[in-house]
Amino acid sequence: MNKRIYILFTFLAVTVLLMPHSGNAADFAKVGTVGTQFLKIPVGARGVGMGNAFSALSDDGTAMFWNPAGLIHIQGTTVSLENVQWLADIQYNAVAVAHNLNPSWSLGFFVTSLNSGEIERTTVERPEGTDSYFSVTDVMVGATAATQLTNKFSFGANIKYVRENLDDEIAAAWAVDVGTMYDTRWKTIKLSMNIRNFGPEMQLAGNFHDFNNGVRLDNPTEFLPYHFPMTFKMGFTAEPYKTEMHRLTIVGDLEHPNDNIERYNLGSEYAYQEMFFLRAGYTFRHDLLGLSTGMGAKWKGFGIDYAYSDFGILEMVQRFNISFTF
């Protein structure tokens, strides 16, 4: 099959899958119908600073967390470390290592972990607390492969192991991410499409005792299975202004989660001599998240990035990312 026809067919097929539904169904938010919520936390201060609209621009080590196809654009070997001060004092950390084998292939490996800290246990008899504590810990470990199929089209995929520990109960499963990038070679416009967290249902092992009007039932009940937070994204990026000293990049994403309504993310990045960066973005149709901003610096293979996200009535979220390229 002609490569151009193959690329066009691929993009048309994914576009149909990602098209928003019409009618009231498009505005129905199925909140609370999926688990492993930590997979929704974005990784990469650069992308977050641009309002989470990073899938078409992903060209650094954090591409594994946005669009694995973008990993083909890294140079040499890159290491990325990130700490996220998430809501309710939850700590979220990520490590990613990637290497560009040749112009056609890049490989990567990543680990993320979430720790809730100590949470006081409550019971029906003692809703004020029992002086005993538990915690929630989540882990994701995965590998990435990205390839340049043509001089315009790249493809990437993640395979990852996801484990969720809720006190003494454990659930684990495998999932995949798939992404594409297409350089139109027209006015610096690039397009992307990707699917994240595609996998089977997860189910906590063991069982629990339910209550009826405050009375504990004798027969234990199995935990119900739940889906991954699968997300479809379609994005674009363009550079309306670029000189040797200055660059302005704009980005946008259409995001369709399987448990909520469609969202629209818009952002921008200003670069001075490709050494200092200012970023800003906005997430539309989100319950809480709105404005995000960030900044960064890069010098001789070392980079540091910071992002701030405004969650309205909740506390702000800050994240720091450092990277090494050699």
Protein backbone atom coordinates (compact mmCIF):
# COMPACT_ATOMS: atom_id res chain seq x y z
CA MET A 1 0.00 0.00 0.00
CA ASN A 2 1.27 3.46 -0.86
CA LYS A 3 2.69 5.13 2.26
CA ARG A 4 0.66 8.29 1.76
CA ILE A 5 -2.55 6.31 1.45
CA TYR A 6 -1.63 4.27 4.53
CA ILE A 7 -1.00 7.41 6.59
CA LEU A 8 -4.20 9.06 5.39
CA PHE A 9 -6.22 5.93 6.15
CA THR A 10 -4.75 5.67 9.63
CA PHE A 11 -5.56 9.26 10.52
CA LEU A 12 -9.08 9.07 9.10
CA ALA A 13 -9.79 5.87 11.03
CA VAL A 14 -8.57 7.31 14.33
CA THR A 15 -10.42 10.59 13.66
CA VAL A 16 -13.70 8.71 13.35
CA LEU A 17 -13.01 6.98 16.67
CA LEU A 18 -12.26 10.27 18.37
CA MET A 19 -15.16 12.28 17.00
CA PRO A 20 -17.41 13.57 19.82
CA HIS A 21 -20.84 11.98 20.01
CA SER A 22 -23.84 14.11 19.20
CA GLY A 23 -26.77 14.84 21.42
CA ASN A 24 -27.11 14.73 25.17
CA ALA A 25 -24.88 11.66 25.46
CA ALA A 26 -21.88 13.82 24.68
CA ASP A 27 -22.52 15.91 27.78
CA PHE A 28 -23.10 12.98 30.14
CA ALA A 29 -20.23 12.64 32.62
CA LYS A 30 -19.81 9.05 33.85
CA VAL A 31 -17.82 10.17 36.88
CA GLY A 32 -16.90 7.43 39.35
CA THR A 33 -17.08 4.56 36.85
CA VAL A 34 -13.33 3.89 36.52
CA GLY A 35 -10.50 3.11 38.91
CA THR A 36 -6.71 3.65 39.01
CA GLN A 37 -7.33 7.39 39.16
CA PHE A 38 -3.62 8.09 39.60
CA LEU A 39 -3.16 7.35 35.89
CA LYS A 40 -4.94 10.65 35.19
CA ILE A 41 -2.17 12.66 36.89
CA PRO A 42 -0.04 14.12 34.08
CA VAL A 43 3.74 13.77 34.19
CA GLY A 44 5.99 16.46 32.74
CA ALA A 45 6.12 20.02 34.01
CA ARG A 46 6.61 21.31 30.48
CA GLY A 47 3.36 19.83 29.16
CA VAL A 48 1.40 20.71 32.29
CA GLY A 49 2.58 24.32 32.05
CA MET A 50 0.97 24.45 28.61
CA GLY A 51 -2.43 23.42 29.91
CA ASN A 52 -1.96 19.67 29.32
CA ALA A 53 -2.00 20.29 25.55
CA PHE A 54 1.24 18.47 24.81
CA SER A 55 0.41 15.38 22.75
CA ALA A 56 1.39 16.90 19.38
CA LEU A 57 4.51 18.65 20.69
CA SER A 58 5.95 15.79 22.77
CA ASP A 59 9.62 15.79 21.79
CA ASP A 60 11.48 15.11 25.05
CA GLY A 61 11.79 12.30 27.60
CA THR A 62 8.33 12.93 29.02
CA ALA A 63 6.75 11.99 25.68
CA MET A 64 6.18 8.52 27.13
CA PHE A 65 3.51 10.03 29.39
CA TRP A 66 1.78 12.07 26.67
CA ASN A 67 2.29 10.55 23.24
CA PRO A 68 4.86 7.75 22.88
CA ALA A 69 5.31 8.56 19.18
CA GLY A 70 7.10 11.76 20.21
CA LEU A 71 9.97 9.82 21.78
CA ILE A 72 11.51 9.47 18.33
CA HIS A 73 12.51 13.15 18.52
CA ILE A 74 14.89 12.86 21.48
CA GLN A 75 18.63 13.11 21.01
CA GLY A 76 21.04 10.60 22.57
CA THR A 77 20.07 9.43 26.05
CA THR A 78 17.76 11.40 28.32
CA VAL A 79 16.84 10.96 31.98
CA SER A 80 13.86 12.74 33.52
CA LEU A 81 12.95 12.98 37.22
CA GLU A 82 9.77 14.59 38.53
CA ASN A 83 8.12 15.29 41.87
CA VAL A 84 4.47 16.33 42.00
CA GLN A 85 2.95 17.86 45.13
CA TRP A 86 -0.54 16.59 44.39
CA LEU A 87 -3.79 17.44 46.13
CA ALA A 88 -4.35 16.52 49.81
CA ASP A 89 -0.58 16.21 50.44
CA ILE A 90 -0.35 13.20 48.12
CA GLN A 91 3.14 12.66 46.70
CA TYR A 92 3.56 11.51 43.10
CA ASN A 93 6.99 10.77 41.61
CA ALA A 94 8.15 9.70 38.17
CA VAL A 95 11.39 8.52 36.57
CA ALA A 96 11.89 8.08 32.83
CA VAL A 97 14.94 6.98 30.83
CA ALA A 98 15.02 6.96 27.03
CA HIS A 99 17.59 6.40 24.30
CA ASN A 100 17.56 7.20 20.59
CA LEU A 101 19.05 4.15 18.86
CA ASN A 102 19.09 5.69 15.38
CA PRO A 103 16.96 8.06 13.27
CA SER A 104 14.28 5.36 13.03
CA TRP A 105 13.99 4.00 16.59
CA SER A 106 13.86 5.17 20.22
CA LEU A 107 13.31 3.08 23.32
CA GLY A 108 12.33 4.11 26.83
CA PHE A 109 11.54 2.90 30.33
CA PHE A 110 9.49 4.64 33.02
CA VAL A 111 8.27 4.23 36.61
CA THR A 112 5.72 6.27 38.54
CA SER A 113 4.58 5.92 42.14
CA LEU A 114 1.90 7.52 44.29
CA ASN A 115 1.73 7.53 48.07
CA SER A 116 -1.25 8.93 49.95
CA GLY A 117 0.51 9.13 53.30
CA GLU A 118 -1.24 7.96 56.46
CA ILE A 119 -5.05 8.06 56.47
CA GLU A 120 -6.90 7.51 59.73
CA ARG A 121 -9.19 4.50 59.69
CA THR A 122 -12.87 5.03 60.57
CA THR A 123 -15.67 2.57 61.27
CA VAL A 124 -19.44 2.69 61.60
CA GLU A 125 -19.05 2.58 65.36
CA ARG A 126 -16.27 5.17 65.44
CA PRO A 127 -16.73 7.60 62.53
CA GLU A 128 -14.52 10.16 64.32
CA GLY A 129 -11.47 7.87 64.00
CA THR A 130 -9.91 4.79 65.52
CA ASP A 131 -6.30 5.91 66.08
CA SER A 132 -5.18 3.37 63.48
CA TYR A 133 -3.99 4.24 60.00
CA PHE A 134 -3.69 2.87 56.48
CA SER A 135 -2.32 4.15 53.16
CA VAL A 136 -2.84 3.91 49.43
CA THR A 137 0.12 3.22 47.14
CA ASP A 138 0.00 2.96 43.35
CA VAL A 139 2.77 1.98 40.94
CA MET A 140 3.12 2.01 37.15
CA VAL A 141 6.11 0.44 35.37
CA GLY A 142 6.40 0.45 31.60
CA ALA A 143 8.46 0.40 28.44
CA THR A 144 8.17 2.48 25.26
CA ALA A 145 9.11 1.95 21.62
CA ALA A 146 8.82 4.69 18.98
CA THR A 147 9.60 4.47 15.29
CA GLN A 148 9.80 6.90 12.36
CA LEU A 149 7.83 5.19 9.59
CA THR A 150 8.29 8.01 7.06
CA ASN A 151 9.85 11.47 7.14
CA LYS A 152 6.43 12.80 8.21
CA PHE A 153 4.81 10.01 10.21
CA SER A 154 5.88 8.42 13.50
CA PHE A 155 4.30 5.77 15.69
CA GLY A 156 4.87 4.80 19.32
CA ALA A 157 3.48 2.47 21.97
CA ASN A 158 3.79 1.82 25.70
CA ILE A 159 3.21 -1.42 27.53
CA LYS A 160 2.83 -0.97 31.27
CA TYR A 161 2.11 -2.86 34.45
CA VAL A 162 -0.25 -1.09 36.84
CA ARG A 163 -0.61 -2.07 40.50
CA GLU A 164 -2.96 -0.51 43.05
CA ASN A 165 -2.67 -1.13 46.80
CA LEU A 166 -5.66 0.00 48.87
CA ASP A 167 -4.67 -0.85 52.42
CA ASP A 168 -4.36 -4.67 52.34
CA GLU A 169 -6.19 -5.16 49.04
CA ILE A 170 -4.30 -5.36 45.75
CA ALA A 171 -5.34 -5.08 42.09
CA ALA A 172 -2.98 -5.37 39.13
CA ALA A 173 -3.20 -5.54 35.33
CA TRP A 174 -1.40 -4.68 32.09
CA ALA A 175 -2.35 -1.79 29.82
CA VAL A 176 -1.09 -0.16 26.62
CA ASP A 177 -0.82 3.33 25.12
CA VAL A 178 -0.65 3.97 21.38
CA GLY A 179 0.20 7.24 19.65
CA THR A 180 0.88 8.77 16.23
CA MET A 181 2.41 12.03 14.99
CA TYR A 182 2.13 13.57 11.56
CA ASP A 183 4.20 16.51 10.31
CA THR A 184 2.13 18.19 7.62
CA ARG A 185 5.15 20.23 6.43
CA TRP A 186 2.68 23.09 5.94
CA LYS A 187 3.17 26.24 8.01
CA THR A 188 4.88 24.23 10.82
CA ILE A 189 1.62 22.45 11.67
CA LYS A 190 1.90 18.99 13.25
CA LEU A 191 -0.97 16.68 14.20
CA SER A 192 -1.24 13.85 16.70
CA MET A 193 -3.64 11.19 17.89
CA ASN A 194 -3.25 8.77 20.76
CA ILE A 195 -5.06 6.36 23.05
CA ARG A 196 -3.96 5.94 26.66
CA ASN A 197 -4.73 3.30 29.30
CA PHE A 198 -6.29 0.67 27.06
CA GLY A 199 -6.60 -2.60 28.94
CA PRO A 200 -8.83 -5.12 30.72
CA GLU A 201 -10.83 -4.52 33.85
CA MET A 202 -9.08 -4.58 37.22
CA GLN A 203 -10.45 -6.13 40.39
CA LEU A 204 -9.26 -5.97 43.98
CA ALA A 205 -8.50 -9.37 45.44
CA GLY A 206 -10.42 -10.58 48.49
CA ASN A 207 -13.80 -9.41 49.72
CA PHE A 208 -15.49 -7.10 52.22
CA HIS A 209 -18.43 -7.02 54.63
CA ASP A 210 -21.23 -4.62 53.74
CA PHE A 211 -23.65 -2.92 56.15
CA ASN A 212 -27.42 -2.56 56.14
CA ASN A 213 -28.70 0.33 58.28
CA GLY A 214 -25.54 0.16 60.34
CA VAL A 215 -25.73 -3.63 60.84
CA ARG A 216 -22.88 -5.69 59.42
CA LEU A 217 -23.98 -8.43 57.03
CA ASP A 218 -22.66 -11.92 57.71
CA ASN A 219 -21.84 -12.91 54.13
CA PRO A 220 -18.78 -11.24 52.57
CA THR A 221 -19.06 -9.53 49.17
CA GLU A 222 -16.51 -9.58 46.36
CA PHE A 223 -15.16 -6.28 45.05
CA LEU A 224 -16.59 -5.28 41.69
CA PRO A 225 -14.24 -4.98 38.69
CA TYR A 226 -13.52 -1.55 37.24
CA HIS A 227 -12.11 -0.08 34.04
CA PHE A 228 -8.93 1.85 33.39
CA PRO A 229 -9.35 5.63 32.81
CA MET A 230 -8.98 5.33 29.04
CA THR A 231 -8.49 8.58 27.11
CA PHE A 232 -8.56 9.50 23.42
CA LYS A 233 -6.67 12.61 22.34
CA MET A 234 -6.30 14.53 19.11
CA GLY A 235 -3.82 17.41 19.07
CA PHE A 236 -2.02 20.00 16.98
CA THR A 237 1.00 22.27 17.31
CA ALA A 238 2.33 25.18 15.24
CA GLU A 239 5.04 27.85 15.43
CA PRO A 240 3.55 31.17 14.30
CA TYR A 241 6.77 33.03 15.11
CA LYS A 242 10.34 31.76 15.03
CA THR A 243 13.75 33.43 14.65
CA GLU A 244 17.26 32.59 15.84
CA MET A 245 16.52 34.31 19.16
CA HIS A 246 12.81 33.78 19.74
CA ARG A 247 10.21 31.06 19.25
CA LEU A 248 6.49 31.03 19.97
CA THR A 249 4.68 27.69 19.86
CA ILE A 250 0.95 27.14 20.27
CA VAL A 251 -0.60 23.78 21.08
CA GLY A 252 -4.08 22.34 21.42
CA ASP A 253 -5.72 19.05 22.41
CA LEU A 254 -9.20 17.61 22.16
CA GLU A 255 -9.49 15.11 25.02
CA HIS A 256 -12.20 12.48 25.37
CA PRO A 257 -12.06 10.45 28.63
CA ASN A 258 -14.24 7.38 29.08
CA ASP A 259 -15.66 8.70 32.36
CA ASN A 260 -16.31 12.36 31.62
CA ILE A 261 -17.25 14.89 28.95
CA GLU A 262 -14.89 16.10 26.22
CA ARG A 263 -12.31 18.69 27.23
CA TYR A 264 -10.31 21.22 25.27
CA ASN A 265 -6.77 22.16 26.22
CA LEU A 266 -4.94 25.16 24.75
CA GLY A 267 -1.43 26.34 25.55
CA SER A 268 1.69 28.13 24.40
CA GLU A 269 5.44 28.19 24.95
CA TYR A 270 7.81 31.11 24.44
CA ALA A 271 11.50 30.28 24.09
CA TYR A 272 14.45 32.67 24.22
CA GLN A 273 17.54 31.25 22.50
CA GLU A 274 16.14 27.78 23.30
CA MET A 275 17.53 28.29 26.80
CA PHE A 276 14.77 30.05 28.76
CA PHE A 277 11.08 29.22 28.51
CA LEU A 278 7.75 30.69 29.62
CA ARG A 279 4.55 28.66 29.32
CA ALA A 280 0.82 29.09 29.87
CA GLY A 281 -2.32 27.14 29.08
CA TYR A 282 -5.95 26.60 29.96
CA THR A 283 -8.15 23.52 30.32
CA PHE A 284 -11.77 24.02 29.30
CA ARG A 285 -14.79 22.05 30.57
CA HIS A 286 -12.96 20.65 33.59
CA ASP A 287 -14.73 20.60 36.94
CA LEU A 288 -11.88 22.39 38.73
CA LEU A 289 -8.73 22.75 36.65
CA GLY A 290 -8.37 25.95 34.65
CA LEU A 291 -5.20 28.00 34.27
CA SER A 292 -1.73 26.42 34.22
CA THR A 293 1.58 28.24 33.94
CA GLY A 294 5.21 27.26 33.97
CA MET A 295 8.80 28.12 33.21
CA GLY A 296 12.00 26.32 32.41
CA ALA A 297 15.67 26.57 31.57
CA LYS A 298 18.04 24.36 29.61
CA TRP A 299 21.82 24.50 29.38
CA LYS A 300 24.37 21.99 28.06
CA GLY A 301 22.12 18.96 28.41
CA PHE A 302 20.68 19.90 31.79
CA GLY A 303 17.10 21.11 32.07
CA ILE A 304 14.80 22.20 34.88
CA ASP A 305 11.09 22.88 34.57
CA TYR A 306 8.40 24.09 36.94
CA ALA A 307 4.61 24.14 36.52
CA TYR A 308 1.72 25.48 38.55
CA SER A 309 -1.91 24.38 38.14
CA ASP A 310 -4.93 26.19 39.58
CA PHE A 311 -7.61 23.80 40.86
CA GLY A 312 -10.04 26.50 41.96
CA ILE A 313 -11.52 25.80 45.38
CA LEU A 314 -8.82 23.18 46.02
CA GLU A 315 -5.19 23.95 46.68
CA MET A 316 -2.77 24.67 43.86
CA VAL A 317 -0.60 21.88 42.48
CA GLN A 318 3.12 22.40 41.87
CA ARG A 319 5.60 20.15 40.14
CA PHE A 320 9.31 20.16 39.43
CA ASN A 321 11.09 18.28 36.68
CA ILE A 322 14.80 17.92 36.03
CA SER A 323 16.33 16.24 33.01
CA PHE A 324 19.75 15.20 31.74
CA THR A 325 20.66 14.59 28.11
CA PHE A 326 23.98 13.03 27.10
